[in-house]
Amino acid sequence: MPSQMGKTMVQISLEGGRRDLARSGLADAALTMLERGLRAVDPGEAVRRSVRREGATLWAGRREYRLEGRKVLLLAAGKAAGGMAAALEEILDGWIGGGLVTVPAGVIVPPLSVPVREAGHPLPDEASRSCAEEVARLLQGAKSEDLVLVALSGGASALWSLPASGLCLADLRETTRLLLESGAAIEEINSVRKHLDLLKGGGVPLLAPEARFVGLILSDVVGDHLETVASGPTMPDPSCFADAWGILERRQILDRVPSAVRARLAAGLSGKLPETPKADHPVLARVENLCVGSAQEAVAAILRAAQEQGFAAACLTSTLQGEASQVGLVLGNILREEALHGRPLPCPCALLAAGETTVRITGKGRGGRNLELGLCAASRLAGLDGVLLASLASDGMDGNSGAAGAVVDGESWRSAVAAGLDPGGLLAENDSLAFFQAVGGLLRTGPTGTNVNDFSLLLAR
């Protein structure tokens, strides 16, 4: 029987909800559904579905690895690294001979035999560089008979940061900041990072070209493109220097990134630097990469929980992307259609949209993708009865808000206006947190220890 070590048992709390919101029952229903979704993407359970051991034989996916005579290294990074590492230590039961686990500050990690360190997120810091250097040292000692398990989840891009030649940590940090504030999608951000950092874009196996690698990846990206998760440390990189340059141009920050970054990308464009390893690179033939879990498990669990509570349930999309404010308006309109016309499903119903939106930072307020989405959705729900929209970040950290997400209903917008707030002005300042501090509806979980996508849940009764 598998143990419960590191198992995700997240509870979502509703902060400052109005009494009428609590009495409607919709908020409790939404929280139950979302909690079920988070538990379905427990990182330890995800690993156990893909990895098992029989005696001295380890099975990862469909491949087997004889453990006798091998040194096994465990490297893990990301918001779910603790749970993934705990499951691997349990499965291997003494076969692991060293490694490193890196998590963001505040993430609770079960007791482990390998060292655990905290590092910067969403911007890399000195600890990020120190952890990356330690990873490089561990790999440089790996031999042909050794096996390296690399457990990756969202957040690892910042947690491991090893600047390429000619760059310093400040260059990577500033470039990441500018990309985040420009509203760049995670695919764009990580394509640039891969050409500035030695561990990213397939860089990890290059440091131990004779060892065997197994990449165990918990996906937090829309479409589960594994080369994007954690900037693809064990994956071939389909992007090139020209792509990175083009992203900085399109996001209108090329002239603002550090000069050393422009110089490196220009050198790559001119062929003076080698491209990141592609699918035919011989070292990558010694790597097996497995997607151990994604938002799809959570989507299925949320829909099942909705049906168990008597709601007709459907997933609108599991590939939600776009500007959070615009997506909020669209989802608000869909819920409005449901309330007024009983479409697309008969009431009571639950409609789910999973994915990851973006926010272009133009103000100095506090908020996040899910809070901004909820604020804008509230404008389309004003005055409606029996509706609720809940939007949640699966890692429990929505931007710089300190919250995990928020809920809105037909009274949220009117309550803000009655309190003298200017919701449009708050949106312009990216200050969605102030909106919810005034009207209630913040969702809090603390760091969840897992990380897939965001979930927007639309309920109508």
Protein backbone atom coordinates (compact mmCIF):
# COMPACT_ATOMS: atom_id res chain seq x y z
CA MET A 1 0.00 0.00 0.00
CA PRO A 2 1.54 3.38 -1.01
CA SER A 3 2.16 5.72 1.88
CA GLN A 4 0.63 9.16 2.17
CA MET A 5 4.03 10.88 2.49
CA GLY A 6 3.86 14.27 0.79
CA LYS A 7 0.27 13.78 -0.30
CA THR A 8 -1.53 16.97 -1.27
CA MET A 9 -4.45 17.60 1.10
CA VAL A 10 -5.20 21.19 0.24
CA GLN A 11 -8.09 23.13 1.72
CA ILE A 12 -9.35 26.32 0.11
CA SER A 13 -10.66 29.07 2.35
CA LEU A 14 -12.92 31.94 1.32
CA GLU A 15 -11.88 35.24 2.86
CA GLY A 16 -14.31 38.05 3.44
CA GLY A 17 -17.21 36.49 1.57
CA ARG A 18 -20.54 38.26 2.08
CA ARG A 19 -23.21 36.45 4.09
CA ASP A 20 -25.52 36.19 1.09
CA LEU A 21 -22.66 34.66 -0.92
CA ALA A 22 -22.12 32.02 1.74
CA ARG A 23 -25.88 31.33 2.06
CA SER A 24 -26.26 30.65 -1.66
CA GLY A 25 -24.34 27.40 -1.34
CA LEU A 26 -22.57 28.01 -4.64
CA ALA A 27 -19.34 29.07 -2.98
CA ASP A 28 -19.15 25.87 -0.92
CA ALA A 29 -19.92 23.81 -4.01
CA ALA A 30 -17.18 25.54 -6.00
CA LEU A 31 -14.58 25.06 -3.28
CA THR A 32 -15.42 21.36 -3.00
CA MET A 33 -14.97 20.91 -6.75
CA LEU A 34 -11.69 22.80 -6.86
CA GLU A 35 -10.27 20.96 -3.85
CA ARG A 36 -11.02 17.67 -5.58
CA GLY A 37 -9.16 18.95 -8.63
CA LEU A 38 -6.08 19.85 -6.62
CA ARG A 39 -6.01 16.47 -4.91
CA ALA A 40 -6.15 14.76 -8.30
CA VAL A 41 -2.82 16.32 -9.25
CA ASP A 42 -0.96 15.29 -6.11
CA PRO A 43 2.67 15.13 -7.33
CA GLY A 44 3.52 11.98 -5.40
CA GLU A 45 0.59 10.09 -6.86
CA ALA A 46 1.55 11.35 -10.32
CA VAL A 47 5.03 9.86 -9.93
CA ARG A 48 3.68 6.56 -8.59
CA ARG A 49 1.50 6.17 -11.68
CA SER A 50 4.60 6.24 -13.90
CA VAL A 51 7.41 4.76 -11.79
CA ARG A 52 7.66 1.46 -9.90
CA ARG A 53 10.37 -0.85 -8.64
CA GLU A 54 10.58 -4.64 -8.46
CA GLY A 55 13.63 -5.70 -6.52
CA ALA A 56 16.67 -4.24 -8.27
CA THR A 57 14.72 -3.22 -11.38
CA LEU A 58 13.22 0.23 -11.79
CA TRP A 59 10.44 0.76 -14.29
CA ALA A 60 9.87 4.27 -15.65
CA GLY A 61 7.18 4.33 -18.27
CA ARG A 62 7.87 1.29 -20.46
CA ARG A 63 11.61 1.17 -19.85
CA GLU A 64 13.42 -0.81 -17.21
CA TYR A 65 16.69 0.08 -15.48
CA ARG A 66 18.80 -2.36 -13.52
CA LEU A 67 19.87 -0.67 -10.30
CA GLU A 68 22.71 -2.98 -9.32
CA GLY A 69 26.08 -1.38 -9.96
CA ARG A 70 24.55 2.01 -10.67
CA LYS A 71 24.69 5.23 -8.73
CA VAL A 72 21.28 6.89 -8.75
CA LEU A 73 21.07 10.68 -8.50
CA LEU A 74 17.83 12.51 -7.73
CA LEU A 75 17.49 16.08 -8.97
CA ALA A 76 14.16 17.84 -8.45
CA ALA A 77 13.07 21.42 -8.95
CA GLY A 78 9.76 23.24 -8.98
CA LYS A 79 6.71 23.91 -6.88
CA ALA A 80 5.90 20.18 -6.79
CA ALA A 81 9.51 19.02 -6.31
CA GLY A 82 9.05 18.00 -2.67
CA GLY A 83 6.15 15.64 -3.30
CA MET A 84 7.75 14.19 -6.42
CA ALA A 85 11.07 13.59 -4.64
CA ALA A 86 9.34 12.00 -1.64
CA ALA A 87 7.56 9.52 -3.89
CA LEU A 88 10.81 8.64 -5.68
CA GLU A 89 12.67 8.11 -2.41
CA GLU A 90 9.86 5.85 -1.22
CA ILE A 91 9.88 3.84 -4.46
CA LEU A 92 13.65 3.46 -4.60
CA ASP A 93 13.92 2.75 -0.85
CA GLY A 94 17.65 3.33 -0.29
CA TRP A 95 18.94 3.11 -3.85
CA ILE A 96 19.36 6.90 -4.22
CA GLY A 97 22.99 7.93 -3.74
CA GLY A 98 22.74 11.72 -3.77
CA GLY A 99 21.02 14.69 -5.32
CA LEU A 100 19.34 18.02 -4.67
CA VAL A 101 15.74 19.26 -4.33
CA THR A 102 14.97 22.94 -4.97
CA VAL A 103 11.65 24.61 -4.12
CA PRO A 104 10.31 28.17 -3.76
CA ALA A 105 10.32 29.73 -0.31
CA GLY A 106 7.36 28.67 1.81
CA VAL A 107 6.66 25.35 0.08
CA ILE A 108 6.37 22.56 2.64
CA VAL A 109 8.62 19.60 1.81
CA PRO A 110 8.33 16.13 3.42
CA PRO A 111 11.44 14.75 5.14
CA LEU A 112 13.97 13.66 2.51
CA SER A 113 17.39 12.05 2.50
CA VAL A 114 18.75 14.38 -0.20
CA PRO A 115 19.41 18.06 0.53
CA VAL A 116 16.51 20.51 0.11
CA ARG A 117 17.10 24.18 -0.67
CA GLU A 118 14.90 27.18 -1.33
CA ALA A 119 15.53 29.58 -4.21
CA GLY A 120 13.99 32.61 -5.87
CA HIS A 121 10.69 32.63 -7.75
CA PRO A 122 9.38 34.08 -10.05
CA LEU A 123 12.72 35.89 -10.46
CA PRO A 124 15.97 33.95 -9.97
CA ASP A 125 18.24 34.95 -7.10
CA GLU A 126 21.68 34.01 -5.77
CA ALA A 127 20.23 30.83 -4.29
CA SER A 128 18.95 29.92 -7.79
CA ARG A 129 22.48 30.21 -9.15
CA SER A 130 23.97 28.32 -6.21
CA CYS A 131 21.51 25.44 -6.68
CA ALA A 132 22.18 25.33 -10.42
CA GLU A 133 25.92 25.23 -9.79
CA GLU A 134 25.42 22.35 -7.36
CA VAL A 135 23.38 20.48 -10.00
CA ALA A 136 26.22 21.00 -12.47
CA ARG A 137 28.78 19.67 -9.97
CA LEU A 138 26.71 16.58 -9.27
CA LEU A 139 26.30 15.87 -12.97
CA GLN A 140 29.94 16.35 -13.87
CA GLY A 141 30.81 13.41 -11.65
CA ALA A 142 28.24 11.07 -13.26
CA LYS A 143 29.56 8.01 -15.10
CA SER A 144 28.19 5.86 -17.91
CA GLU A 145 26.58 3.36 -15.55
CA ASP A 146 24.85 6.06 -13.47
CA LEU A 147 21.15 6.91 -13.60
CA VAL A 148 19.90 10.48 -13.08
CA LEU A 149 16.26 11.03 -12.16
CA VAL A 150 15.17 14.61 -12.92
CA ALA A 151 11.78 15.55 -11.44
CA LEU A 152 10.51 18.82 -12.86
CA SER A 153 7.48 21.01 -12.30
CA GLY A 154 6.46 24.61 -12.84
CA GLY A 155 8.71 27.19 -11.22
CA ALA A 156 11.95 25.32 -11.89
CA SER A 157 13.02 27.85 -14.54
CA ALA A 158 13.65 30.44 -11.85
CA LEU A 159 14.83 27.99 -9.17
CA TRP A 160 17.74 26.73 -11.29
CA SER A 161 19.56 29.56 -13.02
CA LEU A 162 23.03 29.08 -14.50
CA PRO A 163 23.97 32.05 -16.72
CA ALA A 164 25.67 31.21 -20.01
CA SER A 165 29.11 32.58 -20.83
CA GLY A 166 29.16 36.38 -20.95
CA LEU A 167 26.06 36.75 -18.78
CA CYS A 168 25.49 37.27 -15.07
CA LEU A 169 22.55 36.53 -12.83
CA ALA A 170 21.40 40.15 -12.99
CA ASP A 171 21.10 39.83 -16.79
CA LEU A 172 18.81 36.81 -16.48
CA ARG A 173 16.82 38.38 -13.68
CA GLU A 174 16.18 41.64 -15.54
CA THR A 175 15.28 39.88 -18.79
CA THR A 176 12.82 37.63 -16.95
CA ARG A 177 11.26 40.64 -15.22
CA LEU A 178 10.76 42.49 -18.50
CA LEU A 179 9.23 39.45 -20.17
CA LEU A 180 6.82 38.89 -17.29
CA GLU A 181 5.72 42.52 -17.23
CA SER A 182 5.25 42.56 -21.02
CA GLY A 183 2.56 39.89 -20.76
CA ALA A 184 4.63 37.30 -22.63
CA ALA A 185 3.27 33.76 -22.59
CA ILE A 186 5.27 31.14 -20.72
CA GLU A 187 6.30 29.53 -24.02
CA GLU A 188 7.86 32.83 -25.07
CA ILE A 189 9.55 33.47 -21.73
CA ASN A 190 11.10 30.03 -21.66
CA SER A 191 12.23 30.15 -25.29
CA VAL A 192 14.32 33.18 -24.40
CA ARG A 193 15.59 31.63 -21.16
CA LYS A 194 16.81 28.53 -23.02
CA HIS A 195 19.30 30.65 -24.96
CA LEU A 196 20.66 32.42 -21.90
CA ASP A 197 21.00 29.59 -19.37
CA LEU A 198 23.20 26.48 -19.47
CA LEU A 199 20.73 24.12 -17.74
CA LYS A 200 17.72 24.94 -19.90
CA GLY A 201 16.70 23.67 -23.33
CA GLY A 202 18.30 20.22 -23.00
CA GLY A 203 21.35 21.50 -21.16
CA VAL A 204 21.22 19.08 -18.22
CA PRO A 205 22.17 15.87 -20.10
CA LEU A 206 25.01 17.70 -21.85
CA LEU A 207 26.73 18.02 -18.47
CA ALA A 208 26.82 14.21 -18.06
CA PRO A 209 26.83 12.90 -21.64
CA GLU A 210 27.51 9.26 -20.68
CA ALA A 211 24.86 8.87 -17.95
CA ARG A 212 21.29 7.69 -18.37
CA PHE A 213 18.52 10.21 -17.62
CA VAL A 214 14.84 9.92 -16.82
CA GLY A 215 12.89 13.18 -16.87
CA LEU A 216 9.67 13.04 -14.83
CA ILE A 217 7.62 16.09 -15.70
CA LEU A 218 4.48 17.47 -14.07
CA SER A 219 3.09 19.77 -16.74
CA ASP A 220 1.91 23.29 -15.93
CA VAL A 221 1.72 24.51 -19.53
CA VAL A 222 -1.24 24.64 -21.88
CA GLY A 223 -1.11 21.72 -24.29
CA ASP A 224 1.44 19.85 -22.14
CA HIS A 225 4.39 20.81 -24.34
CA LEU A 226 7.12 19.24 -22.24
CA GLU A 227 9.89 21.28 -23.84
CA THR A 228 8.32 24.34 -22.21
CA VAL A 229 7.85 22.99 -18.66
CA ALA A 230 10.70 24.31 -16.48
CA SER A 231 12.34 25.50 -19.73
CA GLY A 232 12.97 21.90 -20.77
CA PRO A 233 16.21 20.96 -18.95
CA THR A 234 16.06 17.38 -20.26
CA MET A 235 14.16 18.01 -23.49
CA PRO A 236 15.32 18.86 -27.03
CA ASP A 237 14.68 22.50 -27.82
CA PRO A 238 12.74 23.26 -31.02
CA SER A 239 13.41 27.00 -30.70
CA CYS A 240 16.50 28.84 -31.89
CA PHE A 241 18.34 32.11 -31.31
CA ALA A 242 16.22 33.79 -33.99
CA ASP A 243 13.06 32.87 -32.08
CA ALA A 244 14.41 34.38 -28.87
CA TRP A 245 15.40 37.58 -30.66
CA GLY A 246 11.97 37.79 -32.33
CA ILE A 247 10.14 37.39 -29.02
CA LEU A 248 12.01 40.32 -27.49
CA GLU A 249 11.19 42.38 -30.59
CA ARG A 250 7.48 41.50 -30.57
CA ARG A 251 7.21 42.26 -26.87
CA GLN A 252 8.95 45.60 -27.52
CA ILE A 253 11.67 45.04 -24.94
CA LEU A 254 14.66 44.25 -27.15
CA ASP A 255 16.19 47.67 -26.51
CA ARG A 256 15.51 47.37 -22.77
CA VAL A 257 17.09 44.00 -21.97
CA PRO A 258 20.73 44.11 -20.76
CA SER A 259 23.28 44.69 -23.51
CA ALA A 260 24.99 41.39 -22.68
CA VAL A 261 21.75 39.56 -23.50
CA ARG A 262 21.49 41.27 -26.89
CA ALA A 263 25.14 40.50 -27.57
CA ARG A 264 24.70 36.79 -26.81
CA LEU A 265 21.58 36.46 -28.94
CA ALA A 266 23.27 38.37 -31.78
CA ALA A 267 26.25 36.01 -31.59
CA GLY A 268 23.89 33.06 -31.81
CA LEU A 269 22.09 34.59 -34.77
CA SER A 270 25.38 34.97 -36.64
CA GLY A 271 26.37 31.36 -35.98
CA LYS A 272 29.15 32.16 -33.53
CA LEU A 273 27.43 30.12 -30.81
CA PRO A 274 25.99 26.61 -31.08
CA GLU A 275 22.24 26.18 -31.01
CA THR A 276 20.56 24.38 -28.13
CA PRO A 277 20.37 20.58 -28.66
CA LYS A 278 17.68 19.39 -31.06
CA ALA A 279 15.84 16.06 -31.21
CA ASP A 280 18.63 14.35 -33.17
CA HIS A 281 21.37 15.25 -30.69
CA PRO A 282 23.16 11.98 -29.74
CA VAL A 283 23.25 12.74 -26.00
CA LEU A 284 19.46 13.04 -25.89
CA ALA A 285 19.15 9.44 -27.09
CA ARG A 286 20.14 8.49 -23.52
CA VAL A 287 17.19 10.42 -22.05
CA GLU A 288 13.62 9.26 -21.46
CA ASN A 289 11.08 11.97 -20.68
CA LEU A 290 7.70 11.18 -19.17
CA CYS A 291 4.72 13.44 -18.53
CA VAL A 292 3.59 12.07 -15.18
CA GLY A 293 0.63 14.42 -14.75
CA SER A 294 -1.12 17.52 -16.02
CA ALA A 295 -4.27 19.60 -15.71
CA GLN A 296 -6.27 16.87 -17.43
CA GLU A 297 -6.48 14.80 -14.23
CA ALA A 298 -7.72 17.84 -12.33
CA VAL A 299 -10.28 18.70 -15.02
CA ALA A 300 -11.75 15.19 -14.83
CA ALA A 301 -11.89 15.30 -11.02
CA ILE A 302 -13.60 18.71 -10.94
CA LEU A 303 -16.25 17.57 -13.40
CA ARG A 304 -16.89 14.39 -11.42
CA ALA A 305 -17.27 16.41 -8.21
CA ALA A 306 -19.73 18.74 -9.95
CA GLN A 307 -21.85 15.84 -11.17
CA GLU A 308 -21.85 14.26 -7.72
CA GLN A 309 -23.34 17.50 -6.38
CA GLY A 310 -26.12 17.45 -8.94
CA PHE A 311 -24.69 19.86 -11.52
CA ALA A 312 -24.68 19.24 -15.25
CA ALA A 313 -20.98 19.63 -16.02
CA ALA A 314 -18.77 20.30 -19.04
CA CYS A 315 -15.29 21.55 -19.80
CA LEU A 316 -15.37 24.58 -22.09
CA THR A 317 -11.64 24.28 -22.75
CA SER A 318 -8.46 22.98 -21.16
CA THR A 319 -6.30 25.23 -23.35
CA LEU A 320 -7.42 28.63 -22.10
CA GLN A 321 -5.02 31.45 -22.98
CA GLY A 322 -5.14 35.20 -23.57
CA GLU A 323 -5.15 38.45 -21.64
CA ALA A 324 -6.77 37.81 -18.26
CA SER A 325 -9.03 40.87 -18.45
CA GLN A 326 -10.41 39.88 -21.86
CA VAL A 327 -10.83 36.24 -20.88
CA GLY A 328 -12.73 37.40 -17.79
CA LEU A 329 -15.20 39.31 -19.95
CA VAL A 330 -15.72 36.29 -22.21
CA LEU A 331 -16.29 33.89 -19.31
CA GLY A 332 -18.57 36.41 -17.64
CA ASN A 333 -20.65 36.60 -20.81
CA ILE A 334 -20.87 32.81 -21.01
CA LEU A 335 -22.13 32.65 -17.43
CA ARG A 336 -24.56 35.47 -18.17
CA GLU A 337 -25.95 33.48 -21.10
CA GLU A 338 -26.36 30.51 -18.78
CA ALA A 339 -28.24 32.58 -16.19
CA LEU A 340 -30.55 34.30 -18.67
CA HIS A 341 -31.18 31.59 -21.25
CA GLY A 342 -30.08 28.25 -19.79
CA ARG A 343 -27.40 27.73 -22.42
CA PRO A 344 -25.18 25.84 -23.13
CA LEU A 345 -26.31 23.45 -20.35
CA PRO A 346 -29.51 23.23 -18.33
CA CYS A 347 -29.24 24.59 -14.80
CA PRO A 348 -27.88 23.79 -12.31
CA CYS A 349 -24.66 23.56 -14.25
CA ALA A 350 -20.89 23.82 -13.85
CA LEU A 351 -18.70 24.96 -16.73
CA LEU A 352 -14.93 24.72 -16.46
CA ALA A 353 -12.12 26.50 -18.29
CA ALA A 354 -8.53 25.45 -17.57
CA GLY A 355 -5.34 27.01 -18.87
CA GLU A 356 -3.18 30.01 -18.16
CA THR A 357 -3.88 33.63 -19.00
CA THR A 358 -1.40 36.50 -18.97
CA VAL A 359 -1.38 40.02 -17.55
CA ARG A 360 0.49 42.95 -19.04
CA ILE A 361 1.76 45.02 -16.13
CA THR A 362 1.07 48.72 -16.63
CA GLY A 363 0.36 49.78 -13.04
CA LYS A 364 1.88 49.39 -9.61
CA GLY A 365 -0.93 47.57 -7.82
CA ARG A 366 -1.14 44.05 -6.47
CA GLY A 367 -3.03 41.20 -8.05
CA GLY A 368 -2.69 38.23 -10.35
CA ARG A 369 -4.12 36.48 -13.39
CA ASN A 370 -7.03 34.94 -11.56
CA LEU A 371 -7.95 38.03 -9.57
CA GLU A 372 -7.89 40.18 -12.69
CA LEU A 373 -9.99 37.64 -14.58
CA GLY A 374 -12.51 37.59 -11.75
CA LEU A 375 -12.70 41.37 -11.51
CA CYS A 376 -13.54 41.68 -15.21
CA ALA A 377 -16.01 38.80 -15.12
CA ALA A 378 -17.84 40.54 -12.27
CA SER A 379 -18.79 43.39 -14.60
CA ARG A 380 -20.81 40.96 -16.75
CA LEU A 381 -22.51 39.28 -13.80
CA ALA A 382 -23.78 42.43 -12.07
CA GLY A 383 -27.38 42.05 -10.94
CA LEU A 384 -27.71 38.35 -11.76
CA ASP A 385 -28.97 35.82 -9.20
CA GLY A 386 -27.73 32.29 -8.76
CA VAL A 387 -24.36 32.66 -10.48
CA LEU A 388 -20.78 32.37 -9.28
CA LEU A 389 -17.36 32.36 -10.96
CA ALA A 390 -14.32 31.04 -9.11
CA SER A 391 -10.83 31.31 -10.57
CA LEU A 392 -7.89 29.58 -8.90
CA ALA A 393 -4.13 29.18 -9.40
CA SER A 394 -3.30 25.53 -8.76
CA ASP A 395 -0.01 26.42 -7.04
CA GLY A 396 -1.84 28.67 -4.57
CA MET A 397 0.07 31.77 -5.65
CA ASP A 398 -1.72 34.22 -7.93
CA GLY A 399 0.76 36.89 -8.98
CA ASN A 400 1.86 39.14 -6.14
CA SER A 401 -1.56 39.11 -4.45
CA GLY A 402 -0.75 36.63 -1.69
CA ALA A 403 -4.01 34.87 -2.58
CA ALA A 404 -4.71 31.82 -4.74
CA GLY A 405 -7.64 33.31 -6.64
CA ALA A 406 -11.10 34.76 -6.10
CA VAL A 407 -14.84 34.27 -6.47
CA VAL A 408 -17.38 36.75 -7.84
CA ASP A 409 -21.16 36.72 -8.16
CA GLY A 410 -23.95 39.06 -9.19
CA GLU A 411 -23.35 41.41 -6.25
CA SER A 412 -19.56 41.73 -6.40
CA TRP A 413 -19.42 44.56 -8.94
CA ARG A 414 -22.33 46.46 -7.37
CA SER A 415 -20.73 46.13 -3.93
CA ALA A 416 -17.53 47.66 -5.24
CA VAL A 417 -19.33 50.59 -6.82
CA ALA A 418 -21.43 51.12 -3.68
CA ALA A 419 -18.19 51.23 -1.67
CA GLY A 420 -16.94 54.06 -3.87
CA LEU A 421 -14.40 52.01 -5.80
CA ASP A 422 -13.53 52.59 -9.43
CA PRO A 423 -13.07 49.04 -10.79
CA GLY A 424 -11.81 50.33 -14.14
CA GLY A 425 -9.16 52.41 -12.41
CA LEU A 426 -8.11 49.46 -10.28
CA LEU A 427 -7.77 47.35 -13.42
CA ALA A 428 -5.59 50.00 -15.07
CA GLU A 429 -3.30 49.92 -12.03
CA ASN A 430 -3.26 46.11 -11.93
CA ASP A 431 -4.72 46.44 -8.44
CA SER A 432 -7.32 43.66 -8.50
CA LEU A 433 -6.39 42.76 -4.93
CA ALA A 434 -7.88 46.05 -3.68
CA PHE A 435 -11.17 45.17 -5.37
CA PHE A 436 -11.47 41.86 -3.51
CA GLN A 437 -10.22 43.24 -0.24
CA ALA A 438 -13.20 45.62 -0.40
CA VAL A 439 -15.94 43.27 -1.61
CA GLY A 440 -14.67 39.91 -0.29
CA GLY A 441 -14.20 36.70 -2.19
CA LEU A 442 -10.46 36.03 -1.97
CA LEU A 443 -9.44 32.38 -2.10
CA ARG A 444 -6.48 31.26 -0.02
CA THR A 445 -4.64 27.94 0.09
CA GLY A 446 -1.03 28.81 0.79
CA PRO A 447 1.53 26.98 -1.40
CA THR A 448 -0.23 23.80 -2.52
CA GLY A 449 2.85 21.71 -3.30
CA THR A 450 1.58 21.04 -6.81
CA ASN A 451 1.38 23.06 -10.01
CA VAL A 452 -0.57 22.45 -13.19
CA ASN A 453 -2.78 25.17 -14.74
CA ASP A 454 -5.31 27.70 -13.49
CA PHE A 455 -9.00 26.78 -13.20
CA SER A 456 -11.98 29.04 -13.82
CA LEU A 457 -15.23 27.45 -12.66
CA LEU A 458 -18.61 28.89 -13.70
CA LEU A 459 -21.67 27.85 -11.67
CA ALA A 460 -25.32 28.67 -12.36
CA ARG A 461 -28.33 27.50 -10.39
